[in-house]
Protein backbone atom coordinates (compact mmCIF):
# COMPACT_ATOMS: atom_id res chain seq x y z
CA MET A 1 -21.73 17.64 -67.61
CA LEU A 2 -19.75 14.78 -66.16
CA SER A 3 -21.89 11.94 -64.88
CA ILE A 4 -20.26 9.73 -62.27
CA LYS A 5 -21.86 6.30 -62.23
CA LYS A 6 -19.99 3.49 -60.53
CA ALA A 7 -20.89 -0.06 -59.63
CA GLY A 8 -20.53 0.69 -55.95
CA ALA A 9 -22.50 3.91 -56.01
CA ARG A 10 -25.74 2.26 -54.99
CA GLN A 11 -24.27 1.44 -51.59
CA CYS A 12 -23.06 4.09 -49.19
CA LYS A 13 -19.34 3.49 -48.86
CA GLY A 14 -18.68 4.92 -45.45
CA PHE A 15 -19.98 6.51 -42.31
CA VAL A 16 -21.83 9.58 -43.49
CA ARG A 17 -20.60 12.47 -41.40
CA ARG A 18 -21.26 15.55 -43.42
CA HIS A 19 -24.64 17.10 -42.68
CA ARG A 20 -25.65 18.24 -39.24
CA HIS A 21 -29.31 18.00 -40.17
CA CYS A 22 -28.57 14.32 -40.81
CA PRO A 23 -26.68 12.40 -39.79
CA HIS A 24 -26.58 15.58 -37.83
CA ALA A 25 -23.21 15.04 -36.23
CA SER A 26 -24.86 13.34 -33.29
CA LEU A 27 -26.03 10.43 -35.42
CA TYR A 28 -22.42 9.26 -35.12
CA PRO A 29 -23.35 7.01 -32.14
CA LEU A 30 -26.18 5.52 -34.18
CA PHE A 31 -23.90 4.51 -37.01
CA ASN A 32 -21.41 3.10 -34.53
CA LYS A 33 -24.18 1.00 -33.02
CA LEU A 34 -25.39 -0.20 -36.42
CA ILE A 35 -21.84 -1.16 -37.24
CA ARG A 36 -21.32 -2.98 -33.93
CA GLU A 37 -24.53 -4.93 -34.39
CA ARG A 38 -23.62 -5.78 -38.01
CA LEU A 39 -26.62 -3.94 -39.39
CA LEU A 40 -24.39 -2.22 -41.93
CA PRO A 41 -22.30 -4.08 -44.50
CA LEU A 42 -18.71 -5.02 -43.67
CA ARG A 43 -17.21 -2.72 -46.29
CA ILE A 44 -18.95 0.23 -44.60
CA LEU A 45 -17.44 -0.84 -41.29
CA ILE A 46 -13.95 -0.95 -42.77
CA PHE A 47 -14.29 2.42 -44.47
CA ALA A 48 -15.76 3.98 -41.34
CA ALA A 49 -12.85 2.69 -39.28
CA CYS A 50 -10.42 4.37 -41.68
CA LEU A 51 -12.30 7.63 -41.36
CA THR A 52 -12.62 7.63 -37.59
CA CYS A 53 -8.95 6.90 -36.98
CA ALA A 54 -7.94 10.14 -38.71
CA SER A 55 -7.43 13.06 -36.39
CA ALA A 56 -9.48 16.22 -36.79
CA VAL A 57 -7.78 19.50 -37.57
CA ALA A 58 -8.79 22.50 -35.51
CA ASP A 59 -6.37 25.39 -35.88
CA SER A 60 -8.62 27.80 -34.04
CA PRO A 61 -11.32 27.50 -31.41
CA GLN A 62 -14.77 28.93 -32.03
CA GLN A 63 -14.41 32.65 -32.65
CA MET A 64 -16.95 35.45 -32.89
CA ALA A 65 -16.84 38.72 -34.79
CA ALA A 66 -19.08 41.72 -34.10
CA ILE A 67 -19.99 43.35 -37.42
CA GLY A 68 -22.57 45.85 -36.14
CA ASP A 69 -26.09 46.27 -37.50
CA LEU A 70 -26.94 44.56 -40.80
CA GLN A 71 -29.45 45.90 -43.30
CA LEU A 72 -31.48 42.96 -44.54
CA ALA A 73 -33.01 42.18 -47.92
CA SER A 74 -36.44 42.56 -46.27
CA GLY A 75 -35.72 46.19 -45.41
CA GLU A 76 -35.47 45.40 -41.70
CA THR A 77 -32.31 45.71 -39.61
CA LEU A 78 -30.63 42.90 -37.70
CA LEU A 79 -29.08 44.50 -34.63
CA ASN A 80 -25.61 43.93 -33.19
CA VAL A 81 -24.77 41.06 -35.51
CA GLN A 82 -22.34 38.42 -34.33
CA VAL A 83 -20.77 36.05 -36.90
CA GLY A 84 -19.13 32.84 -35.74
CA TYR A 85 -16.20 31.19 -37.50
CA GLN A 86 -13.31 28.77 -37.17
CA THR A 87 -10.13 28.54 -39.21
CA ALA A 88 -7.83 25.68 -40.19
CA GLY A 89 -4.62 25.54 -42.19
CA THR A 90 -1.99 28.23 -42.74
CA LEU A 91 -2.59 31.55 -44.48
CA ASN A 92 0.16 32.20 -47.01
CA GLU A 93 1.99 35.51 -47.30
CA ASP A 94 -0.10 37.00 -50.09
CA LYS A 95 -3.38 35.59 -48.71
CA SER A 96 -4.04 33.76 -51.96
CA ASN A 97 -4.93 30.36 -50.46
CA VAL A 98 -8.19 31.20 -48.69
CA ILE A 99 -11.24 28.95 -48.91
CA VAL A 100 -14.50 30.33 -47.52
CA PHE A 101 -16.79 27.52 -46.36
CA PRO A 102 -20.29 28.55 -45.13
CA THR A 103 -22.31 26.08 -43.09
CA TRP A 104 -25.16 23.80 -44.18
CA PHE A 105 -28.73 23.89 -42.84
CA THR A 106 -28.60 23.91 -39.00
CA GLY A 107 -24.87 23.08 -39.15
CA THR A 108 -22.00 24.86 -37.43
CA ALA A 109 -18.38 25.60 -38.24
CA ALA A 110 -17.45 23.17 -35.49
CA ASP A 111 -19.19 20.37 -37.42
CA PHE A 112 -16.76 20.80 -40.34
CA ILE A 113 -13.83 20.21 -38.03
CA LYS A 114 -15.50 17.47 -36.01
CA TRP A 115 -16.49 15.39 -39.01
CA GLU A 116 -13.28 16.08 -40.96
CA VAL A 117 -14.86 17.82 -43.92
CA ILE A 118 -11.93 20.18 -43.34
CA GLY A 119 -8.45 18.71 -42.86
CA PRO A 120 -5.36 17.31 -44.63
CA GLY A 121 -6.47 15.73 -47.89
CA LYS A 122 -10.16 16.34 -47.11
CA LEU A 123 -12.79 18.22 -49.09
CA ALA A 124 -11.16 21.46 -47.95
CA ASP A 125 -7.50 20.45 -47.83
CA THR A 126 -5.63 22.24 -45.05
CA ASN A 127 -2.27 21.05 -46.43
CA ARG A 128 -2.73 23.67 -49.15
CA TYR A 129 -5.45 26.08 -48.04
CA PHE A 130 -6.41 28.36 -45.20
CA VAL A 131 -10.03 27.44 -44.61
CA ILE A 132 -12.46 29.84 -42.96
CA ALA A 133 -15.58 27.98 -41.87
CA VAL A 134 -18.34 30.54 -41.30
CA ASP A 135 -21.48 30.03 -39.25
CA ALA A 136 -24.51 31.12 -41.28
CA LEU A 137 -26.98 33.48 -39.64
CA GLY A 138 -29.71 31.57 -37.86
CA ASN A 139 -27.64 28.51 -36.96
CA GLY A 140 -27.58 29.16 -33.21
CA VAL A 141 -23.94 30.33 -33.17
CA SER A 142 -24.05 33.44 -35.35
CA SER A 143 -26.92 35.84 -34.62
CA SER A 144 -30.09 33.76 -34.40
CA PRO A 145 -33.55 33.78 -32.82
CA SER A 146 -32.17 31.65 -29.96
CA ASN A 147 -29.29 33.96 -29.01
CA SER A 148 -30.22 37.49 -30.08
CA PRO A 149 -30.48 39.70 -26.97
CA LYS A 150 -32.45 42.47 -28.71
CA GLN A 151 -34.50 40.44 -31.23
CA PRO A 152 -35.11 37.06 -29.61
CA GLY A 153 -37.43 34.31 -30.79
CA LYS A 154 -40.19 35.47 -33.09
CA GLN A 155 -38.91 39.06 -32.89
CA PHE A 156 -35.94 37.99 -35.00
CA PRO A 157 -36.37 39.48 -38.49
CA VAL A 158 -36.72 37.38 -41.61
CA ILE A 159 -33.31 36.69 -43.14
CA ALA A 160 -32.40 35.71 -46.69
CA ILE A 161 -29.49 33.73 -48.10
CA SER A 162 -28.19 37.06 -49.42
CA ASP A 163 -28.10 38.38 -45.84
CA MET A 164 -26.02 35.39 -44.77
CA VAL A 165 -23.58 36.19 -47.57
CA ASN A 166 -23.43 39.88 -46.66
CA SER A 167 -22.62 39.01 -43.05
CA GLN A 168 -19.85 36.67 -44.22
CA HIS A 169 -18.42 39.31 -46.57
CA ALA A 170 -18.34 41.78 -43.67
CA LEU A 171 -16.57 39.22 -41.47
CA LEU A 172 -13.94 38.52 -44.11
CA THR A 173 -13.22 42.05 -45.29
CA ARG A 174 -13.72 44.15 -42.17
CA HIS A 175 -12.71 41.72 -39.43
CA LEU A 176 -10.19 39.36 -41.04
CA GLY A 177 -8.75 41.60 -43.76
CA ILE A 178 -9.52 39.07 -46.52
CA THR A 179 -10.51 40.78 -49.77
CA HIS A 180 -10.20 37.83 -52.13
CA ALA A 181 -10.47 34.06 -51.88
CA ARG A 182 -9.19 31.17 -53.90
CA ALA A 183 -12.63 29.61 -53.52
CA VAL A 184 -16.02 29.77 -51.93
CA MET A 185 -17.51 26.33 -51.43
CA GLY A 186 -20.38 24.83 -49.51
CA VAL A 187 -22.62 21.81 -49.09
CA SER A 188 -26.44 21.82 -49.13
CA MET A 189 -27.51 25.24 -47.79
CA GLY A 190 -23.80 26.06 -47.95
CA GLY A 191 -24.04 25.31 -51.67
CA MET A 192 -26.98 27.72 -51.90
CA GLN A 193 -24.85 30.39 -50.25
CA THR A 194 -22.08 29.61 -52.75
CA PHE A 195 -24.46 30.22 -55.66
CA GLN A 196 -25.44 33.51 -54.00
CA TRP A 197 -21.79 34.51 -53.53
CA MET A 198 -21.17 33.97 -57.26
CA GLY A 199 -23.59 36.72 -58.25
CA GLN A 200 -23.48 38.95 -55.17
CA TYR A 201 -19.69 39.32 -54.95
CA PRO A 202 -18.54 37.95 -58.33
CA GLU A 203 -14.99 39.30 -58.11
CA PHE A 204 -14.33 37.94 -54.63
CA MET A 205 -13.32 34.39 -55.59
CA ASP A 206 -11.37 32.55 -58.30
CA LYS A 207 -13.41 29.36 -57.92
CA ALA A 208 -16.89 28.47 -56.68
CA ILE A 209 -17.92 24.94 -55.72
CA PRO A 210 -21.58 24.46 -54.78
CA ILE A 211 -22.21 20.87 -53.65
CA ASP A 212 -25.71 19.41 -53.12
CA GLY A 213 -27.07 22.94 -53.37
CA SER A 214 -29.38 24.90 -55.65
CA PRO A 215 -29.58 28.43 -57.08
CA ARG A 216 -33.34 28.47 -56.52
CA MET A 217 -36.15 26.35 -55.17
CA THR A 218 -38.21 23.99 -57.31
CA SER A 219 -41.87 23.32 -56.58
CA TYR A 220 -40.89 20.02 -54.93
CA ASP A 221 -38.35 21.76 -52.70
CA LEU A 222 -40.99 24.28 -51.66
CA LEU A 223 -43.55 21.55 -51.03
CA GLN A 224 -41.16 19.86 -48.64
CA TRP A 225 -40.15 23.00 -46.77
CA HIS A 226 -43.71 24.35 -46.54
CA ILE A 227 -44.67 21.12 -44.78
CA HIS A 228 -41.78 21.57 -42.34
CA GLU A 229 -42.75 25.19 -41.73
CA SER A 230 -46.44 24.39 -41.21
CA ALA A 231 -45.67 21.49 -38.87
CA ILE A 232 -43.54 23.68 -36.60
CA GLU A 233 -46.04 26.54 -36.61
CA ILE A 234 -48.94 24.22 -35.70
CA MET A 235 -46.98 22.57 -32.90
CA GLN A 236 -45.79 25.91 -31.52
CA GLU A 237 -49.36 27.23 -31.50
CA ALA A 238 -50.43 24.09 -29.65
CA GLY A 239 -47.82 24.78 -26.97
CA ILE A 240 -45.72 21.70 -27.65
CA GLU A 241 -42.25 21.97 -26.11
CA ASN A 242 -39.29 22.71 -28.35
CA ALA A 243 -37.56 19.35 -27.91
CA LYS A 244 -40.67 17.43 -28.98
CA ILE A 245 -41.13 19.65 -32.01
CA MET A 246 -37.58 19.06 -33.16
CA GLU A 247 -37.77 15.33 -32.51
CA PHE A 248 -40.68 15.19 -34.92
CA MET A 249 -38.75 17.26 -37.47
CA ALA A 250 -35.96 14.70 -37.33
CA SER A 251 -38.31 11.99 -38.57
CA LEU A 252 -39.73 14.29 -41.23
CA ASN A 253 -36.22 15.00 -42.52
CA LEU A 254 -35.47 11.29 -42.88
CA LEU A 255 -38.15 11.02 -45.58
CA THR A 256 -36.12 13.10 -48.02
CA LEU A 257 -32.56 12.99 -46.73
CA TRP A 258 -31.96 9.47 -48.02
CA THR A 259 -33.68 7.58 -50.82
CA PRO A 260 -36.24 4.81 -50.22
CA GLU A 261 -33.74 2.38 -51.79
CA TYR A 262 -31.12 3.31 -49.21
CA PHE A 263 -33.46 2.47 -46.34
CA VAL A 264 -34.56 -0.80 -47.89
CA GLU A 265 -30.97 -1.91 -48.48
CA ASN A 266 -29.40 -0.67 -45.25
CA ILE A 267 -31.95 -0.35 -42.45
CA THR A 268 -33.95 -3.43 -41.50
CA PRO A 269 -37.55 -3.01 -40.27
CA GLU A 270 -36.37 -4.27 -36.88
CA ALA A 271 -33.66 -1.59 -36.68
CA LEU A 272 -35.91 1.27 -37.79
CA PRO A 273 -37.43 2.23 -34.40
CA GLU A 274 -34.04 2.65 -32.79
CA TYR A 275 -32.74 4.47 -35.85
CA MET A 276 -35.63 6.94 -35.62
CA GLU A 277 -35.16 7.33 -31.87
CA GLU A 278 -31.47 8.15 -32.23
CA SER A 279 -32.30 10.66 -34.96
CA SER A 280 -34.99 12.27 -32.81
CA GLN A 281 -32.62 12.65 -29.88
CA SER A 282 -30.04 14.32 -32.09
CA TYR A 283 -32.55 17.00 -33.12
CA ALA A 284 -33.87 17.73 -29.64
CA GLN A 285 -31.02 20.18 -28.99
CA LEU A 286 -31.97 22.42 -31.92
CA ASP A 287 -34.11 25.53 -31.53
CA ALA A 288 -37.30 25.49 -33.61
CA ASN A 289 -37.14 29.23 -34.32
CA ASP A 290 -33.56 28.90 -35.56
CA TYR A 291 -34.69 26.05 -37.79
CA LEU A 292 -37.54 28.18 -39.16
CA SER A 293 -35.23 31.14 -39.74
CA GLN A 294 -32.84 29.21 -42.00
CA LEU A 295 -35.69 27.24 -43.55
CA ARG A 296 -37.45 30.40 -44.68
CA ALA A 297 -34.20 31.79 -46.06
CA MET A 298 -33.88 28.72 -48.27
CA MET A 299 -37.52 28.97 -49.36
CA MET A 300 -36.96 32.53 -50.62
CA LEU A 301 -33.79 31.67 -52.51
CA ASP A 302 -33.64 32.65 -56.17
CA VAL A 303 -30.24 33.95 -57.26
CA TYR A 304 -31.74 35.06 -60.57
CA ALA A 305 -34.08 37.43 -58.65
CA ALA A 306 -37.67 36.64 -57.75
CA GLY A 307 -39.89 36.01 -60.76
CA ALA A 308 -37.07 36.22 -63.30
CA SER A 309 -37.58 34.06 -66.37
CA SER A 310 -34.01 34.26 -67.60
CA ALA A 311 -30.62 33.54 -66.03
CA THR A 312 -28.83 35.91 -68.41
CA PRO A 313 -28.22 38.89 -66.06
CA TYR A 314 -26.89 36.58 -63.36
CA VAL A 315 -24.70 34.66 -65.82
CA GLN A 316 -23.18 37.90 -67.05
CA LYS A 317 -22.14 38.76 -63.48
CA VAL A 318 -20.40 35.50 -62.64
CA GLN A 319 -16.62 35.58 -63.03
CA ALA A 320 -15.41 32.56 -61.08
CA ASP A 321 -14.65 29.14 -62.51
CA ILE A 322 -17.44 26.85 -61.36
CA LEU A 323 -17.67 23.20 -60.36
CA ILE A 324 -21.23 22.11 -59.52
CA ILE A 325 -21.72 18.75 -57.81
CA SER A 326 -25.08 17.09 -57.23
CA THR A 327 -26.67 13.67 -56.80
CA GLU A 328 -29.25 12.60 -59.36
CA ASP A 329 -31.59 11.08 -56.74
CA ASP A 330 -31.40 13.91 -54.24
CA HIS A 331 -34.91 14.17 -52.76
CA MET A 332 -34.07 17.02 -50.36
CA VAL A 333 -32.51 19.57 -52.74
CA ASN A 334 -33.62 18.98 -56.31
CA PRO A 335 -30.57 18.94 -58.64
CA ALA A 336 -32.37 20.32 -61.74
CA PRO A 337 -31.64 24.04 -61.12
CA GLY A 338 -27.95 23.26 -60.61
CA LYS A 339 -27.85 21.37 -63.91
CA GLU A 340 -29.54 24.32 -65.63
CA MET A 341 -26.99 26.66 -64.08
CA SER A 342 -24.05 24.61 -65.35
CA LYS A 343 -25.47 24.75 -68.88
CA ALA A 344 -26.12 28.50 -68.70
CA LEU A 345 -22.56 29.11 -67.48
CA SER A 346 -21.00 26.41 -69.69
CA GLU A 347 -19.29 25.13 -66.57
CA GLU A 348 -18.61 21.62 -65.33
CA HIS A 349 -21.31 19.65 -63.57
CA VAL A 350 -20.57 16.40 -61.77
CA GLU A 351 -23.63 14.23 -61.24
CA LEU A 352 -23.33 11.42 -58.75
CA ALA A 353 -25.32 8.20 -59.00
CA SER A 354 -25.95 7.08 -55.43
CA ASN A 355 -28.88 5.76 -53.46
CA CYS A 356 -27.66 7.92 -50.57
CA GLY A 357 -29.72 10.79 -52.00
CA HIS A 358 -28.85 14.15 -50.48
CA ILE A 359 -25.89 12.52 -48.76
CA GLY A 360 -24.51 11.21 -52.06
CA SER A 361 -21.42 13.42 -51.97
CA SER A 362 -20.58 12.01 -48.54
CA CYS A 363 -21.05 8.44 -49.67
CA GLU A 364 -18.71 9.18 -52.58
CA ALA A 365 -16.41 11.35 -50.47
CA ASP A 366 -13.11 9.95 -51.80
CA MET A 367 -14.02 10.69 -55.40
CA VAL A 368 -15.57 14.08 -54.61
CA ASN A 369 -12.56 15.17 -52.54
CA LYS A 370 -10.17 14.27 -55.36
CA LYS A 371 -12.32 16.05 -57.95
CA VAL A 372 -12.63 19.20 -55.86
CA ASN A 373 -8.94 19.41 -55.02
CA ALA A 374 -7.92 18.83 -58.63
CA PHE A 375 -10.29 21.63 -59.67
CA LEU A 376 -8.79 24.00 -57.10
CA LEU A 377 -5.32 23.40 -58.54
CA GLU A 378 -6.33 24.20 -62.14
């Protein structure tokens, strides 16, 4: 395990633009406002300016692939499945430079492009790689409760992380003609999908890079997500409108997305109401049933198989070289299972020390990008 602890790690070094569930893409205006009003330190302002002046790379518009009906882990069938994706970079002649990048919780492929997670010299470097950003089932772009014509809303069947991966494998192999990838990588729920890919299709990739993810839920993870699930169910039963439900979920997410230390150091009590209001507005556009669908998929996640006491069968399947990245004070996705996985696989684990919590890899983006791209070249 490699532990990254730097003097500046306690302070977020730049505008955090990675997770749609926060800063949720649309928290961009909030950070701009905090910067304008000098509520964030000057060095954040400077770093943010450097980030925002870079141009985004979008080699393809949003695309959709019809993969037919999908048999789910639950035994049910998801009908007429549509999988969304975007691509960036250039595919080489032998198709050996593919990176598969599934989306995070509530995020979309468009978010990767918009917030420059994908681009020249970025986490997924389009100077070298052909990056396929894939919309996970339930995100409102790929088949979801909010857009399914035959299984809308609560009729939408329960999906698992393994179902997301199966839909992505079908997209790649049957629609795009990609049978092997240089890497599968993802952040947060994308990291969970990466762990699933490692055991579900172990020969598909040379490298796997789960960031801020987990191979299975801890009791603390489940506590958090059960509260989210119960809150939505109670509000739906009470007839509360979708936008109000999701505005409340925005505030609930803030409790675990960052650390308490981050708030104390960066958000003044006077700035908090507006901060919460901006966050609430950014969530209002989300569909509560979509949120529940992906939430429940995460809650069921256990790549070792439910109830298994040993990682041995899974470890024996994995063939890819692995780089696991987590933040030690991540309150949203507990890093302990990832650490255990790195030990079981005897693979490298990078642990970040940052008071940014679940957003630690964004706050340390320069270092993480360099580490990931060096690993991909090995």
